[in-house]
N, C-alpha and C. Protein backbone atom coordinates (compact mmCIF):
# COMPACT_ATOMS: atom_id res chain seq x y z
N MET A 1 83.03 74.60 91.90
CA MET A 1 83.87 75.15 92.96
C MET A 1 85.32 75.13 92.49
N PRO A 2 85.84 74.06 92.12
CA PRO A 2 87.20 74.12 91.57
C PRO A 2 87.56 75.32 90.63
N ARG A 3 86.58 75.52 89.77
CA ARG A 3 86.77 76.55 88.85
C ARG A 3 86.98 77.90 89.38
N GLU A 4 86.39 78.15 90.55
CA GLU A 4 86.46 79.50 91.22
C GLU A 4 87.96 79.42 91.74
N ASN A 5 88.41 78.42 92.30
CA ASN A 5 89.81 78.43 93.02
C ASN A 5 90.65 78.70 91.79
N GLU A 6 90.57 77.98 90.48
CA GLU A 6 91.50 78.25 89.56
C GLU A 6 91.57 79.65 89.14
N GLU A 7 90.34 80.12 88.95
CA GLU A 7 90.32 81.68 88.54
C GLU A 7 91.08 82.44 89.67
N GLU A 8 90.79 82.38 90.84
CA GLU A 8 91.40 83.03 91.91
C GLU A 8 93.00 82.97 91.88
N SER A 9 93.33 81.73 91.73
CA SER A 9 94.81 81.46 91.76
C SER A 9 95.60 82.27 90.51
N THR A 10 94.76 82.24 89.39
CA THR A 10 95.17 82.85 88.26
C THR A 10 95.39 84.36 88.47
N ILE A 11 94.41 84.88 88.89
CA ILE A 11 94.29 86.49 89.32
C ILE A 11 95.43 86.63 90.32
N GLU A 12 95.49 85.84 91.35
CA GLU A 12 96.51 86.17 92.39
C GLU A 12 98.00 86.07 91.86
N ASN A 13 98.14 85.20 90.74
CA ASN A 13 99.63 84.97 90.32
C ASN A 13 99.76 86.10 89.23
N LEU A 14 98.76 86.84 88.76
CA LEU A 14 99.05 87.82 87.90
C LEU A 14 99.61 89.09 88.44
N SER A 15 100.34 89.79 88.06
CA SER A 15 100.82 91.03 88.57
C SER A 15 99.66 91.90 88.54
N PRO A 16 99.10 92.45 89.66
CA PRO A 16 98.01 93.49 89.56
C PRO A 16 98.08 94.54 88.50
N LEU A 17 99.06 95.31 88.64
CA LEU A 17 99.39 96.40 87.76
C LEU A 17 99.49 95.81 86.28
N GLY A 18 99.99 94.77 86.05
CA GLY A 18 100.02 94.03 84.80
C GLY A 18 98.81 93.91 84.19
N GLY A 19 97.79 93.36 85.10
CA GLY A 19 96.52 93.06 84.82
C GLY A 19 95.67 94.35 84.33
N LEU A 20 95.93 95.42 85.02
CA LEU A 20 95.31 96.73 84.68
C LEU A 20 95.79 97.31 83.45
N ILE A 21 97.08 97.20 83.23
CA ILE A 21 97.59 97.66 81.92
C ILE A 21 97.09 96.79 80.78
N ILE A 22 97.22 95.67 81.02
CA ILE A 22 96.42 94.47 79.81
C ILE A 22 95.11 95.15 79.64
N GLY A 23 94.19 95.17 80.61
CA GLY A 23 93.00 95.51 80.28
C GLY A 23 92.77 96.96 79.66
N ILE A 24 93.39 97.95 80.05
CA ILE A 24 93.33 99.25 79.53
C ILE A 24 93.91 99.26 78.02
N VAL A 25 94.87 98.55 77.77
CA VAL A 25 95.51 98.47 76.38
C VAL A 25 94.53 97.84 75.44
N LEU A 26 93.78 96.66 75.88
CA LEU A 26 93.05 95.97 74.95
C LEU A 26 91.87 96.88 74.69
N VAL A 27 91.29 97.55 75.70
CA VAL A 27 90.09 98.40 75.43
C VAL A 27 90.59 99.46 74.65
N TYR A 28 91.65 100.14 74.84
CA TYR A 28 92.03 101.41 74.05
C TYR A 28 92.30 100.93 72.52
N ALA A 29 92.91 99.59 72.31
CA ALA A 29 93.28 99.08 71.04
C ALA A 29 91.77 98.96 70.29
N SER A 30 90.92 98.50 71.04
CA SER A 30 89.57 98.18 70.31
C SER A 30 88.89 99.55 69.81
N LEU A 31 89.16 100.50 70.62
CA LEU A 31 88.59 101.70 70.23
C LEU A 31 89.36 102.71 69.17
N THR A 32 90.52 102.41 69.03
CA THR A 32 91.53 103.27 68.24
C THR A 32 91.97 102.34 66.86
N THR A 33 91.88 101.21 66.88
CA THR A 33 92.33 100.53 65.72
C THR A 33 91.45 100.75 64.41
N GLU A 34 92.11 101.34 63.51
CA GLU A 34 91.40 101.75 62.20
C GLU A 34 91.67 100.66 61.09
N GLY A 35 90.72 100.34 60.38
CA GLY A 35 90.88 99.47 59.33
C GLY A 35 90.73 98.02 59.88
N ALA A 36 90.72 97.70 61.03
CA ALA A 36 90.47 96.42 61.48
C ALA A 36 89.06 95.93 61.40
N VAL A 37 88.80 94.57 61.16
CA VAL A 37 87.58 94.21 61.16
C VAL A 37 86.88 94.47 62.40
N LEU A 38 85.70 94.80 62.38
CA LEU A 38 84.75 95.09 63.61
C LEU A 38 84.96 93.89 64.59
N PHE A 39 84.84 92.75 64.00
CA PHE A 39 84.71 91.50 64.99
C PHE A 39 85.95 91.41 66.13
N ILE A 40 87.17 91.84 65.38
CA ILE A 40 88.51 91.88 65.89
C ILE A 40 88.45 92.84 67.16
N ARG A 41 87.79 94.13 66.81
CA ARG A 41 87.79 95.31 67.69
C ARG A 41 86.78 94.91 68.97
N VAL A 42 85.71 94.18 68.65
CA VAL A 42 84.82 93.82 69.68
C VAL A 42 85.55 92.79 70.64
N ILE A 43 86.13 91.81 69.94
CA ILE A 43 86.89 90.83 70.80
C ILE A 43 87.90 91.46 71.65
N LEU A 44 88.78 92.52 71.32
CA LEU A 44 89.73 93.07 71.97
C LEU A 44 88.90 93.98 73.23
N GLY A 45 88.03 94.60 72.84
CA GLY A 45 87.28 95.41 73.72
C GLY A 45 86.87 94.50 74.90
N SER A 46 85.97 93.39 74.54
CA SER A 46 85.52 92.53 75.31
C SER A 46 86.44 91.94 76.38
N VAL A 47 87.62 91.45 75.90
CA VAL A 47 88.58 90.74 76.64
C VAL A 47 89.13 91.82 77.68
N GLY A 48 89.34 92.96 77.02
CA GLY A 48 89.80 94.04 78.06
C GLY A 48 88.92 94.34 79.14
N LEU A 49 87.64 94.50 78.85
CA LEU A 49 86.57 94.85 79.67
C LEU A 49 86.57 93.57 80.79
N VAL A 50 86.70 92.32 80.35
CA VAL A 50 86.44 91.20 81.29
C VAL A 50 87.68 91.28 82.24
N VAL A 51 88.87 91.50 81.74
CA VAL A 51 90.21 91.53 82.63
C VAL A 51 89.91 92.72 83.53
N LEU A 52 89.45 93.96 83.13
CA LEU A 52 89.26 95.13 84.25
C LEU A 52 88.07 94.71 85.28
N VAL A 53 87.03 94.15 84.78
CA VAL A 53 86.00 93.94 85.69
C VAL A 53 86.40 92.75 86.72
N SER A 54 87.14 91.80 86.15
CA SER A 54 87.56 90.57 87.01
C SER A 54 88.60 91.24 88.04
N LEU A 55 89.42 92.30 87.60
CA LEU A 55 90.43 92.89 88.64
C LEU A 55 89.59 93.63 89.70
N VAL A 56 88.66 94.43 89.21
CA VAL A 56 87.94 95.23 90.23
C VAL A 56 87.04 94.34 91.05
N TYR A 57 86.47 93.26 90.58
CA TYR A 57 85.48 92.33 91.37
C TYR A 57 86.55 91.74 92.54
N TYR A 58 87.78 91.30 92.07
CA TYR A 58 88.70 90.55 92.91
C TYR A 58 89.11 91.63 93.91
N LEU A 59 89.30 92.82 93.62
CA LEU A 59 89.78 93.83 94.68
C LEU A 59 88.67 94.10 95.65
N HIS A 60 87.47 94.10 95.18
CA HIS A 60 86.29 94.46 96.06
C HIS A 60 86.32 93.15 96.93
N SER A 61 86.13 92.11 96.57
CA SER A 61 85.79 90.85 97.33
C SER A 61 87.00 90.59 98.28
N LYS A 62 88.13 90.87 97.80
CA LYS A 62 89.46 90.54 98.77
C LYS A 62 89.64 91.60 99.71
N TYR A 63 89.42 92.69 99.45
CA TYR A 63 89.70 93.92 100.27
C TYR A 63 88.54 94.72 101.04
N LYS A 64 87.31 94.27 100.83
CA LYS A 64 86.19 95.04 101.35
C LYS A 64 86.25 95.13 102.77
N GLU A 65 86.92 94.20 103.53
CA GLU A 65 86.96 94.50 104.81
C GLU A 65 88.21 95.19 105.38
N ARG A 66 89.35 95.11 104.54
CA ARG A 66 90.69 95.58 104.92
C ARG A 66 90.78 97.07 104.37
N GLY A 67 90.04 97.61 103.65
CA GLY A 67 89.91 98.87 103.12
C GLY A 67 90.66 99.06 101.94
N ILE A 68 90.51 100.40 101.33
CA ILE A 68 90.94 100.79 100.05
C ILE A 68 92.42 101.05 100.17
N LYS A 69 93.03 101.32 101.15
CA LYS A 69 94.58 101.51 101.26
C LYS A 69 95.28 100.31 100.83
N ASP A 70 94.78 99.15 101.56
CA ASP A 70 95.33 97.90 101.12
C ASP A 70 94.98 97.52 99.74
N ALA A 71 93.85 97.70 99.15
CA ALA A 71 93.61 97.47 97.83
C ALA A 71 94.44 98.08 96.86
N ILE A 72 94.78 99.33 97.14
CA ILE A 72 95.69 100.13 96.34
C ILE A 72 97.15 99.68 96.50
N ARG A 73 97.62 99.16 97.72
CA ARG A 73 98.95 98.60 97.80
C ARG A 73 99.05 97.43 97.20
N TRP A 74 98.04 96.49 97.15
CA TRP A 74 98.00 95.21 96.36
C TRP A 74 98.25 95.43 95.06
N LEU A 75 97.45 96.56 94.41
CA LEU A 75 97.46 96.89 93.01
C LEU A 75 98.86 97.26 92.53
N PHE A 76 99.72 97.94 93.27
CA PHE A 76 100.91 98.36 92.74
C PHE A 76 102.01 97.55 93.48
N SER A 77 101.64 96.12 93.78
CA SER A 77 102.75 95.33 94.33
C SER A 77 102.60 93.83 93.76
N GLN A 78 103.51 93.09 94.08
CA GLN A 78 103.22 91.56 93.86
C GLN A 78 102.45 91.09 94.88
N PRO A 79 101.52 90.03 94.67
CA PRO A 79 100.66 89.44 95.55
C PRO A 79 101.63 88.54 96.41
N LEU A 80 101.08 88.41 97.63
CA LEU A 80 101.72 87.36 98.47
C LEU A 80 101.73 86.14 97.96
N LYS A 81 102.65 85.07 98.24
CA LYS A 81 102.70 83.75 97.96
C LYS A 81 101.40 83.04 98.44
N ASN A 82 101.22 83.20 99.72
CA ASN A 82 100.13 82.62 100.44
C ASN A 82 99.57 83.50 101.23
N GLU A 83 98.33 84.29 100.66
CA GLU A 83 97.90 85.37 101.26
C GLU A 83 96.90 85.08 102.49
N GLU A 84 96.70 83.73 102.64
CA GLU A 84 95.91 83.20 103.70
C GLU A 84 96.58 83.04 104.92
N THR A 85 97.75 83.00 104.95
CA THR A 85 98.67 82.69 106.16
C THR A 85 99.44 83.86 106.48
N LYS A 86 99.48 84.79 105.68
CA LYS A 86 100.25 85.98 105.81
C LYS A 86 99.44 87.23 105.84
N GLN A 87 99.90 88.33 106.72
CA GLN A 87 99.11 89.54 106.72
C GLN A 87 100.01 90.71 106.31
N ASP A 88 99.54 91.62 105.55
CA ASP A 88 100.44 92.58 105.04
C ASP A 88 100.39 93.80 106.23
N THR A 89 101.36 94.07 106.98
CA THR A 89 101.34 95.21 108.12
C THR A 89 102.24 96.24 107.65
N GLY A 90 102.15 96.63 106.45
CA GLY A 90 103.19 97.80 106.01
C GLY A 90 104.20 97.41 105.37
N ASP A 91 105.36 97.32 106.06
CA ASP A 91 106.68 97.17 105.49
C ASP A 91 107.07 95.66 105.76
N LYS A 92 106.42 94.71 106.91
CA LYS A 92 106.77 93.52 107.17
C LYS A 92 105.64 92.59 107.28
N GLU A 93 105.98 91.42 107.00
CA GLU A 93 104.74 90.42 107.04
C GLU A 93 104.95 89.57 108.21
N THR A 94 103.69 89.12 108.76
CA THR A 94 103.86 88.32 110.05
C THR A 94 102.77 87.32 109.77
N GLU A 95 103.12 86.12 110.35
CA GLU A 95 102.34 84.92 110.17
C GLU A 95 101.10 84.93 111.08
N LYS A 96 100.03 84.28 110.87
CA LYS A 96 98.96 84.37 111.53
C LYS A 96 99.13 83.62 112.97
N THR A 97 98.33 83.90 113.95
CA THR A 97 98.65 83.36 115.33
C THR A 97 98.39 81.76 115.11
N PRO A 98 99.29 81.05 115.84
CA PRO A 98 99.14 79.56 115.85
C PRO A 98 97.89 79.09 116.58
N PRO A 99 97.40 77.92 116.33
CA PRO A 99 96.17 77.53 117.02
C PRO A 99 96.37 77.56 118.61
N CYS A 100 95.18 77.49 119.33
CA CYS A 100 95.29 77.58 120.75
C CYS A 100 96.00 76.31 121.38
N PRO A 101 97.03 76.56 122.13
CA PRO A 101 97.60 75.34 122.76
C PRO A 101 96.80 74.39 123.52
N ASP A 102 96.90 73.10 123.42
CA ASP A 102 96.06 72.15 124.10
C ASP A 102 95.89 72.36 125.57
N LYS A 103 97.08 72.88 126.23
CA LYS A 103 96.87 72.98 127.74
C LYS A 103 95.79 74.10 128.02
N LEU A 104 95.97 75.21 127.24
CA LEU A 104 94.89 76.38 127.49
C LEU A 104 93.45 76.00 127.11
N LYS A 105 93.42 75.09 125.90
CA LYS A 105 92.16 74.71 125.43
C LYS A 105 91.47 73.75 126.53
N ASN A 106 92.35 72.81 127.11
CA ASN A 106 91.68 72.04 128.13
C ASN A 106 91.27 72.59 129.41
N LYS A 107 92.20 73.63 129.74
CA LYS A 107 91.76 74.56 130.82
C LYS A 107 90.52 75.34 130.80
N LEU A 108 90.25 75.89 129.52
CA LEU A 108 89.26 76.65 129.32
C LEU A 108 87.97 75.70 129.34
N TYR A 109 87.98 74.46 128.64
CA TYR A 109 86.96 73.44 128.29
C TYR A 109 86.41 72.97 129.80
N PHE A 110 87.58 72.44 130.48
CA PHE A 110 87.09 71.61 131.98
C PHE A 110 86.86 72.80 133.03
N GLU A 111 87.53 73.86 132.99
CA GLU A 111 87.37 74.85 134.28
C GLU A 111 86.47 75.87 134.08
N ARG A 112 86.75 76.49 132.79
CA ARG A 112 85.86 77.80 132.61
C ARG A 112 84.52 77.41 132.11
N ALA A 113 84.45 76.56 131.07
CA ALA A 113 83.25 76.23 130.39
C ALA A 113 82.65 74.90 130.98
N GLU A 114 83.10 74.42 131.83
CA GLU A 114 82.61 73.24 132.60
C GLU A 114 82.10 72.18 131.48
N GLN A 115 82.72 72.03 130.57
CA GLN A 115 82.36 70.98 129.45
C GLN A 115 81.16 71.29 128.72
N GLU A 116 80.79 72.63 128.73
CA GLU A 116 79.53 73.07 128.04
C GLU A 116 79.98 74.12 126.94
N CYS A 117 79.19 74.22 125.99
CA CYS A 117 79.31 75.19 124.93
C CYS A 117 79.01 76.55 125.68
N GLU A 118 79.93 77.61 125.59
CA GLU A 118 79.62 78.76 126.17
C GLU A 118 78.83 79.73 125.45
N TRP A 119 78.27 79.24 124.48
CA TRP A 119 77.23 80.18 123.82
C TRP A 119 75.75 79.61 123.96
N CYS A 120 75.49 78.36 123.73
CA CYS A 120 74.20 77.57 123.81
C CYS A 120 73.98 76.80 125.13
N GLY A 121 75.08 76.56 125.75
CA GLY A 121 75.03 75.79 127.06
C GLY A 121 74.80 74.29 127.01
N LYS A 122 74.93 73.78 125.90
CA LYS A 122 74.76 72.25 125.73
C LYS A 122 76.14 71.59 126.10
N ASN A 123 75.96 70.39 126.78
CA ASN A 123 77.28 69.73 127.07
C ASN A 123 77.90 69.14 125.80
N ILE A 124 79.28 69.30 125.79
CA ILE A 124 79.99 68.88 124.32
C ILE A 124 81.15 68.04 124.72
N ASP A 125 81.33 66.97 123.90
CA ASP A 125 82.40 66.14 124.01
C ASP A 125 83.72 66.75 123.09
N ASN A 126 83.34 67.35 121.92
CA ASN A 126 84.50 67.74 121.06
C ASN A 126 84.38 69.22 120.92
N PRO A 127 84.92 69.88 121.95
CA PRO A 127 84.92 71.33 121.98
C PRO A 127 85.66 72.09 120.77
N GLU A 128 85.30 73.12 120.30
CA GLU A 128 86.02 73.97 119.29
C GLU A 128 86.40 75.36 119.92
N ILE A 129 87.69 75.82 119.86
CA ILE A 129 88.13 77.10 120.36
C ILE A 129 87.83 78.10 119.40
N HIS A 130 86.96 79.10 119.62
CA HIS A 130 86.88 80.26 118.63
C HIS A 130 87.68 81.44 119.15
N HIS A 131 88.37 82.08 118.22
CA HIS A 131 88.96 83.44 118.47
C HIS A 131 88.01 84.26 117.98
N ILE A 132 87.76 85.29 118.94
CA ILE A 132 86.95 86.41 118.60
C ILE A 132 87.63 87.42 117.63
N LYS A 133 88.78 87.78 117.97
CA LYS A 133 89.74 88.50 116.82
C LYS A 133 90.39 87.35 116.26
N PRO A 134 90.12 87.08 114.95
CA PRO A 134 90.45 85.90 114.17
C PRO A 134 92.07 85.79 114.23
N ARG A 135 92.59 84.49 114.09
CA ARG A 135 94.02 84.21 114.00
C ARG A 135 94.66 84.88 112.95
N LYS A 136 93.92 84.92 111.85
CA LYS A 136 94.53 85.56 110.67
C LYS A 136 94.85 87.13 110.87
N GLU A 137 93.93 87.71 111.79
CA GLU A 137 94.21 89.02 112.19
C GLU A 137 95.19 89.20 113.41
N ASN A 138 95.80 88.14 113.76
CA ASN A 138 96.70 88.07 114.79
C ASN A 138 96.21 88.17 116.07
N GLY A 139 94.89 87.63 116.24
CA GLY A 139 94.09 87.43 117.45
C GLY A 139 94.76 86.50 118.42
N PRO A 140 94.90 87.12 119.64
CA PRO A 140 95.92 86.40 120.68
C PRO A 140 95.12 85.17 121.24
N ASN A 141 96.10 84.15 121.65
CA ASN A 141 95.52 82.96 122.39
C ASN A 141 95.31 83.24 123.81
N GLU A 142 94.44 84.28 124.21
CA GLU A 142 94.25 84.52 125.53
C GLU A 142 92.84 84.51 125.99
N PRO A 143 92.47 84.00 127.09
CA PRO A 143 91.09 83.66 127.54
C PRO A 143 90.15 84.74 126.99
N ARG A 144 90.35 85.95 127.23
CA ARG A 144 89.65 87.16 126.75
C ARG A 144 89.21 87.16 125.21
N ASN A 145 89.96 86.44 124.52
CA ASN A 145 89.57 86.51 123.09
C ASN A 145 89.14 85.02 122.61
N LEU A 146 88.96 84.17 123.47
CA LEU A 146 88.49 82.94 123.21
C LEU A 146 87.38 82.33 123.69
N LEU A 147 86.46 81.63 123.03
CA LEU A 147 85.36 81.04 123.41
C LEU A 147 85.32 79.42 123.14
N VAL A 148 84.85 78.75 124.15
CA VAL A 148 84.61 77.25 123.87
C VAL A 148 83.33 76.95 123.43
N LEU A 149 83.24 76.46 122.24
CA LEU A 149 82.05 76.33 121.61
C LEU A 149 81.75 74.82 120.97
N CYS A 150 80.45 74.43 120.89
CA CYS A 150 80.23 73.19 120.16
C CYS A 150 80.25 73.59 118.58
N PRO A 151 80.37 72.62 117.83
CA PRO A 151 80.71 72.82 116.41
C PRO A 151 79.50 73.66 115.75
N ASN A 152 78.43 73.60 116.19
CA ASN A 152 77.09 74.26 115.46
C ASN A 152 77.41 75.77 115.73
N CYS A 153 77.51 75.87 117.24
CA CYS A 153 77.62 77.41 117.50
C CYS A 153 78.94 78.13 116.90
N HIS A 154 80.01 77.10 116.63
CA HIS A 154 81.27 77.78 116.01
C HIS A 154 81.01 78.20 114.72
N THR A 155 80.21 77.41 113.93
CA THR A 155 79.77 77.81 112.66
C THR A 155 79.05 79.00 112.55
N LYS A 156 78.23 79.33 113.48
CA LYS A 156 77.32 80.46 113.68
C LYS A 156 78.16 81.85 113.92
N MET A 157 79.43 81.74 114.29
CA MET A 157 79.98 82.84 114.98
C MET A 157 80.31 84.07 113.91
N ASP A 158 80.53 83.55 112.59
CA ASP A 158 80.81 84.58 111.67
C ASP A 158 79.48 85.68 111.52
N SER A 159 78.35 85.13 111.81
CA SER A 159 77.31 85.97 111.58
C SER A 159 76.73 86.75 112.69
N ILE A 160 77.52 86.56 113.89
CA ILE A 160 77.36 87.06 115.24
C ILE A 160 78.49 88.28 115.37
N GLY A 161 78.10 89.24 115.72
CA GLY A 161 79.04 90.67 115.86
C GLY A 161 79.98 90.30 116.88
N ARG A 162 81.05 90.87 116.74
CA ARG A 162 82.26 90.65 117.70
C ARG A 162 82.06 91.37 119.01
N SER A 163 81.12 92.48 119.03
CA SER A 163 80.92 93.09 120.46
C SER A 163 80.08 92.06 121.14
N LYS A 164 79.21 91.41 120.73
CA LYS A 164 78.29 90.23 121.51
C LYS A 164 79.44 89.14 121.93
N GLN A 165 80.43 88.64 121.08
CA GLN A 165 81.30 87.77 121.35
C GLN A 165 82.25 88.10 122.48
N LYS A 166 82.67 89.32 122.53
CA LYS A 166 83.69 89.99 123.60
C LYS A 166 82.82 90.02 124.74
N TYR A 167 81.63 90.52 124.83
CA TYR A 167 80.81 90.50 125.95
C TYR A 167 80.69 89.14 126.62
N LYS A 168 80.31 88.03 125.76
CA LYS A 168 80.15 86.77 126.14
C LYS A 168 81.36 86.37 126.96
N ALA A 169 82.62 86.56 126.30
CA ALA A 169 83.95 86.23 126.89
C ALA A 169 84.25 86.68 128.20
N ARG A 170 83.90 88.16 128.26
CA ARG A 170 84.18 88.85 129.41
C ARG A 170 83.33 88.23 130.54
N LYS A 171 82.09 87.98 130.36
CA LYS A 171 81.18 87.25 131.34
C LYS A 171 81.76 86.11 131.64
N GLN A 172 82.32 85.18 130.77
CA GLN A 172 82.76 83.94 131.15
C GLN A 172 84.06 84.11 132.04
N ASN A 173 84.72 85.04 131.81
CA ASN A 173 85.99 85.31 132.52
C ASN A 173 85.92 85.99 134.00
N GLU A 174 84.73 86.45 134.15
CA GLU A 174 84.39 87.27 135.45
C GLU A 174 84.80 86.33 136.85
N GLY A 175 84.04 85.31 136.72
CA GLY A 175 84.27 84.36 137.90
C GLY A 175 85.45 83.28 137.75
N TRP A 176 86.18 83.35 136.80
CA TRP A 176 87.35 82.43 136.55
C TRP A 176 88.65 83.06 136.36
N SER A 177 89.68 82.55 136.73
CA SER A 177 91.06 83.10 136.67
C SER A 177 91.97 82.02 136.06
N GLU A 178 92.73 82.48 135.06
CA GLU A 178 93.45 81.42 134.40
C GLU A 178 94.62 80.86 135.28
N SER A 179 94.89 81.42 136.27
CA SER A 179 96.12 81.01 137.15
C SER A 179 95.40 79.89 138.26
N GLU A 180 94.11 79.89 138.22
CA GLU A 180 93.55 78.82 139.25
C GLU A 180 93.98 77.34 139.04
């Protein structure tokens, strides 16, 4: 596992366009170098292909949800210092939404959820607040975007569609008012 993190940080610190150029130059050099030992040509080509494949894999895994425009924008720019806490919104960067305030968390837990998981209905002592639209996507700290969950259900939320989560939050909010 640490190895994956090391590779990712190495790729993130590399200028994307620089990586692309290095890969292309190495593959080109391996194909056009005359008189060089075959072994050297194979090494150059292999390293070049590894760089290119790594860059394509990284682009695919990092930007498959964001879309091709963000992937191309990343390729021709410097990567963000801390991509997990920042979001590229065109010309300006914004930080992700802060965690749900304790006052709102307690209000949701005691008044709306009545100390139960809003997904499975079990009584819970340690509630977790789930953002339907994630904080990293600037999902707001508003009752319509929040669910009070037990740790087990919170873990499952990534595999449950947002439309179902929104429906559940809407149902939870029907008989409850934040101002009560």
